[in-house]
Amino acid sequence: MMEMLRGKRLVFVGDSLNRNMCQSLVCSLRMFQGQTFRNKLNYNYYFKDYNCSITLITSPFLVQQRHLPKKNEKLRLDILDGMIYKHRDADFLIFNTGHWWNHNKSRNGENYFQEGDIIHEKMDVGVAYAKALKTWANWVDNNVNTSKTKVFFRGFAQTHFMGGDWDTDGVCHNETEPITDEKLLKPYPFLMQALEKVISEMKTPVTYLNITKLTDYRKDGHPSMYRHRGRKKPRAIQDCSHWCLPGVPDSWNELLFSSLLFSSEGFNRTTY
């Protein structure tokens, strides 16, 4: 993997699940590098011996989230997050978005989604998600030089809250084994169906890392109540969406490595 990254710049763009993937990759690669630099202000790692860098840009929606003084924030579905623009010439761009597209974090779609001067009184979150993805896709098609930059999109990682959700006392601390019966898996998320449609209509080749079903099996892989060292009792809010490391995100990077390996040998596979 390090040889494939020699002299290259790899950038993760997305939510905290992409941070999970970024941390996994950096931890895996540090064994090959004695001197690893991290900027304390952000997730920016430089591997001196290989002259390569790995950067994380936090952008949960990929589009612009506006914080207005004395007003409720708005999500601009028609404008890409400005943080992304300066990284368009990276050698590898790995995007994701999904976990923040729920009714609680988008105020049930009421007076939250904006296009141009229009603030929608009510919009379904799935519709808004598809519009935001289209904005992202148009930006990629018009701004990314595919002769230099390879674009990836990592799919949705399943959560495993039992007896509630992340904000309603959902738990997973008693889960110690993966799911073995496929009948117990969740339905395929409609957000991923929207993503796959958008990618299929792009002129830019995007490598799709489809990890959704893979993660659905691993109800045992979350930090749950053990996010903090020494915790003995279940806490009110458990983490059943992020992943322990070493753990499941390592397999996402194995898919990334496989795709880079296939690409270097002339194969054009676009889904993993």
Protein backbone atom coordinates (compact mmCIF):
# COMPACT_ATOMS: atom_id res chain seq x y z
CA MET A 1 0.00 0.00 0.00
CA MET A 2 2.77 2.45 0.88
CA GLU A 3 4.38 2.03 -2.53
CA MET A 4 1.06 2.88 -4.19
CA LEU A 5 0.91 6.04 -2.09
CA ARG A 6 4.53 7.09 -2.68
CA GLY A 7 4.57 10.75 -3.69
CA LYS A 8 0.77 10.89 -3.54
CA ARG A 9 -1.89 12.82 -1.65
CA LEU A 10 -4.95 10.96 -0.35
CA VAL A 11 -7.90 12.93 1.04
CA PHE A 12 -10.91 11.62 2.96
CA VAL A 13 -13.99 13.87 2.78
CA GLY A 14 -17.12 13.14 4.79
CA ASP A 15 -18.49 12.47 8.25
CA SER A 16 -17.04 10.84 11.36
CA LEU A 17 -17.30 7.39 9.77
CA ASN A 18 -14.74 8.54 7.21
CA ARG A 19 -12.63 9.62 10.18
CA ASN A 20 -12.94 6.02 11.38
CA MET A 21 -11.61 4.83 8.01
CA CYS A 22 -8.84 7.45 7.96
CA GLN A 23 -7.65 6.49 11.44
CA SER A 24 -7.66 2.82 10.46
CA LEU A 25 -5.51 3.49 7.42
CA VAL A 26 -3.03 5.68 9.28
CA CYS A 27 -2.66 3.11 12.06
CA SER A 28 -2.02 0.37 9.50
CA LEU A 29 0.59 2.40 7.63
CA ARG A 30 2.52 3.69 10.63
CA MET A 31 4.33 0.37 10.95
CA PHE A 32 6.14 1.21 7.71
CA GLN A 33 7.11 4.71 8.77
CA GLY A 34 9.22 5.85 11.69
CA GLN A 35 8.42 9.54 11.44
CA THR A 36 4.74 10.38 11.03
CA PHE A 37 3.62 13.97 11.38
CA ARG A 38 0.13 15.04 12.37
CA ASN A 39 -0.98 18.65 12.35
CA LYS A 40 -2.61 19.23 15.72
CA LEU A 41 -5.27 21.49 14.18
CA ASN A 42 -6.66 18.84 11.85
CA TYR A 43 -6.23 15.31 10.61
CA ASN A 44 -3.28 15.80 8.29
CA TYR A 45 -0.61 13.09 8.25
CA TYR A 46 2.67 13.16 6.36
CA PHE A 47 4.81 10.05 5.80
CA LYS A 48 8.26 11.47 5.23
CA ASP A 49 10.01 8.37 3.88
CA TYR A 50 7.37 7.97 1.18
CA ASN A 51 6.60 11.66 0.61
CA CYS A 52 2.87 10.99 0.88
CA SER A 53 0.11 12.59 2.90
CA ILE A 54 -3.29 11.53 4.21
CA THR A 55 -5.81 14.24 5.08
CA LEU A 56 -9.30 14.18 6.56
CA ILE A 57 -11.78 16.93 5.68
CA THR A 58 -14.86 16.93 7.90
CA SER A 59 -17.96 17.57 5.80
CA PRO A 60 -20.91 15.48 7.05
CA PHE A 61 -23.28 16.53 4.24
CA LEU A 62 -20.74 17.32 1.47
CA VAL A 63 -22.84 20.42 0.75
CA GLN A 64 -22.73 23.81 2.48
CA GLN A 65 -24.15 24.02 5.97
CA ARG A 66 -24.91 27.65 6.79
CA HIS A 67 -24.83 28.93 10.36
CA LEU A 68 -26.80 32.17 10.43
CA PRO A 69 -26.67 34.56 13.42
CA LYS A 70 -29.95 34.55 15.35
CA LYS A 71 -31.49 32.22 12.76
CA ASN A 72 -31.79 28.49 12.37
CA GLU A 73 -29.03 26.97 10.25
CA LYS A 74 -29.75 25.97 6.66
CA LEU A 75 -28.35 23.28 4.39
CA ARG A 76 -27.63 24.51 0.87
CA LEU A 77 -28.40 21.53 -1.34
CA ASP A 78 -27.12 23.34 -4.44
CA ILE A 79 -23.69 24.45 -3.18
CA LEU A 80 -20.80 22.12 -2.37
CA ASP A 81 -18.97 22.56 0.93
CA GLY A 82 -16.24 25.11 0.22
CA MET A 83 -13.68 23.06 2.17
CA ILE A 84 -13.64 20.52 -0.66
CA TYR A 85 -12.56 22.81 -3.49
CA LYS A 86 -8.90 23.16 -2.58
CA HIS A 87 -8.43 19.38 -2.56
CA ARG A 88 -9.76 18.69 -6.06
CA ASP A 89 -6.24 17.99 -7.36
CA ALA A 90 -5.45 15.28 -4.78
CA ASP A 91 -4.37 11.94 -6.21
CA PHE A 92 -7.12 10.06 -4.35
CA LEU A 93 -10.42 11.49 -3.10
CA ILE A 94 -12.55 9.27 -0.84
CA PHE A 95 -16.02 10.67 -0.16
CA ASN A 96 -18.87 9.58 2.06
CA THR A 97 -22.09 10.99 3.46
CA GLY A 98 -25.11 9.34 4.99
CA HIS A 99 -25.22 9.23 8.77
CA TRP A 100 -26.27 12.84 9.23
CA TRP A 101 -29.12 12.46 6.77
CA ASN A 102 -31.76 11.58 9.31
CA HIS A 103 -34.83 13.43 10.49
CA ASN A 104 -33.40 14.42 13.87
CA LYS A 105 -30.27 16.06 12.48
CA SER A 106 -32.16 17.79 9.69
CA ARG A 107 -35.05 19.10 11.85
CA ASN A 108 -37.46 16.75 10.08
CA GLY A 109 -36.82 18.61 6.84
CA GLU A 110 -38.79 21.63 8.04
CA ASN A 111 -37.38 25.02 6.92
CA TYR A 112 -33.91 23.47 6.75
CA PHE A 113 -33.14 22.64 3.12
CA GLN A 114 -32.37 25.53 0.78
CA GLU A 115 -31.89 25.85 -2.98
CA GLY A 116 -31.03 29.30 -4.29
CA ASP A 117 -33.27 31.77 -2.46
CA ILE A 118 -35.89 29.13 -1.75
CA ILE A 119 -36.08 27.64 1.74
CA HIS A 120 -38.30 24.59 1.58
CA GLU A 121 -40.97 24.52 4.26
CA LYS A 122 -40.95 20.74 4.12
CA MET A 123 -38.79 18.31 2.16
CA ASP A 124 -38.28 14.58 2.57
CA VAL A 125 -34.76 13.80 3.75
CA GLY A 126 -34.31 11.21 0.99
CA VAL A 127 -35.19 13.77 -1.67
CA ALA A 128 -32.77 16.28 -0.14
CA TYR A 129 -30.03 13.64 0.00
CA ALA A 130 -30.42 12.88 -3.71
CA LYS A 131 -30.27 16.60 -4.56
CA ALA A 132 -27.09 17.05 -2.50
CA LEU A 133 -25.49 14.03 -4.18
CA LYS A 134 -26.33 15.50 -7.57
CA THR A 135 -24.58 18.72 -6.54
CA TRP A 136 -21.53 16.67 -5.52
CA ALA A 137 -21.62 14.67 -8.76
CA ASN A 138 -21.83 17.79 -10.92
CA TRP A 139 -18.87 19.29 -9.07
CA VAL A 140 -16.79 16.14 -9.55
CA ASP A 141 -17.69 15.94 -13.24
CA ASN A 142 -16.72 19.58 -13.83
CA ASN A 143 -13.74 20.05 -11.51
CA VAL A 144 -11.82 16.81 -11.08
CA ASN A 145 -9.10 15.90 -13.57
CA THR A 146 -9.49 12.14 -13.90
CA SER A 147 -6.11 11.78 -15.59
CA LYS A 148 -4.58 12.71 -12.20
CA THR A 149 -7.25 12.06 -9.56
CA LYS A 150 -9.03 8.82 -8.74
CA VAL A 151 -12.42 9.27 -7.05
CA PHE A 152 -13.97 6.86 -4.54
CA PHE A 153 -17.27 6.88 -2.68
CA ARG A 154 -17.64 4.70 0.41
CA GLY A 155 -21.14 3.45 1.08
CA PHE A 156 -23.23 3.54 4.24
CA ALA A 157 -22.06 1.64 7.32
CA GLN A 158 -24.94 0.06 9.21
CA THR A 159 -25.66 0.93 12.84
CA HIS A 160 -26.80 -1.53 15.51
CA PHE A 161 -28.79 0.27 18.19
CA MET A 162 -31.04 -2.11 20.13
CA GLY A 163 -34.10 -0.90 22.03
CA GLY A 164 -33.85 2.64 20.69
CA ASP A 165 -31.74 4.90 18.53
CA TRP A 166 -28.60 6.96 19.19
CA ASP A 167 -30.63 9.60 21.05
CA THR A 168 -33.28 7.35 22.61
CA ASP A 169 -31.17 5.01 24.77
CA GLY A 170 -30.30 2.49 22.08
CA VAL A 171 -27.61 0.02 23.21
CA CYS A 172 -25.28 -2.62 21.81
CA HIS A 173 -22.94 -3.44 24.72
CA ASN A 174 -24.18 -7.03 25.04
CA GLU A 175 -23.39 -7.93 21.43
CA THR A 176 -20.38 -10.25 21.34
CA GLU A 177 -20.77 -12.14 18.05
CA PRO A 178 -21.54 -11.20 14.44
CA ILE A 179 -24.88 -11.94 12.81
CA THR A 180 -24.73 -15.32 11.09
CA ASP A 181 -28.28 -15.57 9.74
CA GLU A 182 -28.70 -13.39 6.65
CA LYS A 183 -32.43 -13.19 7.33
CA LEU A 184 -31.65 -10.96 10.32
CA LEU A 185 -29.93 -8.31 8.22
CA LYS A 186 -31.60 -4.94 7.68
CA PRO A 187 -33.22 -3.89 4.40
CA TYR A 188 -30.84 -2.21 1.99
CA PRO A 189 -30.85 1.54 2.82
CA PHE A 190 -32.79 3.71 0.38
CA LEU A 191 -30.01 6.30 0.65
CA MET A 192 -27.61 3.86 -1.00
CA GLN A 193 -30.06 3.24 -3.81
CA ALA A 194 -30.09 7.00 -4.44
CA LEU A 195 -26.29 7.08 -4.34
CA GLU A 196 -25.93 4.24 -6.82
CA LYS A 197 -28.30 5.97 -9.24
CA VAL A 198 -26.33 9.22 -9.09
CA ILE A 199 -22.98 7.46 -9.59
CA SER A 200 -24.34 5.52 -12.57
CA GLU A 201 -25.26 8.80 -14.29
CA MET A 202 -21.87 10.49 -13.83
CA LYS A 203 -19.35 10.92 -16.60
CA THR A 204 -16.50 10.61 -14.09
CA PRO A 205 -15.56 7.03 -13.19
CA VAL A 206 -16.19 6.67 -9.46
CA THR A 207 -15.07 3.58 -7.57
CA TYR A 208 -17.86 2.57 -5.22
CA LEU A 209 -16.80 0.85 -1.99
CA ASN A 210 -20.06 -0.87 -1.06
CA ILE A 211 -19.60 -1.80 2.59
CA THR A 212 -23.26 -1.75 3.65
CA LYS A 213 -23.98 -5.47 3.83
CA LEU A 214 -20.49 -6.21 5.11
CA THR A 215 -21.02 -3.94 8.12
CA ASP A 216 -24.55 -5.18 8.79
CA TYR A 217 -23.19 -8.52 10.01
CA ARG A 218 -20.93 -6.89 12.62
CA LYS A 219 -23.26 -5.87 15.42
CA ASP A 220 -20.43 -6.81 17.78
CA GLY A 221 -17.93 -4.29 16.42
CA HIS A 222 -18.99 -0.98 18.02
CA PRO A 223 -17.47 0.88 21.01
CA SER A 224 -20.92 0.90 22.71
CA MET A 225 -20.37 1.97 26.33
CA TYR A 226 -16.60 1.46 26.14
CA ARG A 227 -15.75 4.70 24.38
CA HIS A 228 -14.01 5.84 27.54
CA ARG A 229 -11.37 3.77 29.30
CA GLY A 230 -12.44 2.14 32.54
CA ARG A 231 -16.19 2.51 32.06
CA LYS A 232 -18.02 -0.27 33.91
CA LYS A 233 -21.70 0.59 33.52
CA PRO A 234 -23.88 1.19 30.46
CA ARG A 235 -24.18 4.88 29.68
CA ALA A 236 -27.31 6.70 28.54
CA ILE A 237 -25.89 7.29 25.07
CA GLN A 238 -23.91 4.39 23.61
CA ASP A 239 -21.92 4.50 20.39
CA CYS A 240 -23.35 1.82 18.11
CA SER A 241 -22.52 3.57 14.85
CA HIS A 242 -18.75 4.07 14.95
CA TRP A 243 -16.35 1.14 15.04
CA CYS A 244 -13.59 -0.21 17.26
CA LEU A 245 -10.04 -0.24 15.93
CA PRO A 246 -8.54 -2.59 14.98
CA GLY A 247 -11.82 -3.73 13.52
CA VAL A 248 -14.34 -3.37 10.73
CA PRO A 249 -12.91 -0.20 9.08
CA ASP A 250 -9.71 -2.15 8.39
CA SER A 251 -11.71 -4.18 5.87
CA TRP A 252 -12.82 -0.98 4.13
CA ASN A 253 -9.18 -0.10 3.57
CA GLU A 254 -8.52 -3.61 2.28
CA LEU A 255 -11.18 -2.91 -0.36
CA LEU A 256 -9.45 0.39 -1.10
CA PHE A 257 -6.11 -1.38 -1.47
CA SER A 258 -7.66 -4.02 -3.74
CA SER A 259 -9.17 -1.35 -5.98
CA LEU A 260 -5.82 0.44 -6.27
CA LEU A 261 -4.11 -2.86 -7.04
CA PHE A 262 -6.66 -3.76 -9.72
CA SER A 263 -6.34 -0.28 -11.22
CA SER A 264 -2.54 -0.45 -11.34
CA GLU A 265 -2.79 -3.70 -13.29
CA GLY A 266 -5.17 -2.27 -15.86
CA PHE A 267 -8.50 -3.56 -14.57
CA ASN A 268 -11.45 -1.16 -14.65
CA ARG A 269 -13.70 -2.61 -11.97
CA THR A 270 -15.73 0.18 -10.31
CA THR A 271 -17.62 -1.57 -7.48
CA TYR A 272 -16.11 -3.39 -4.50
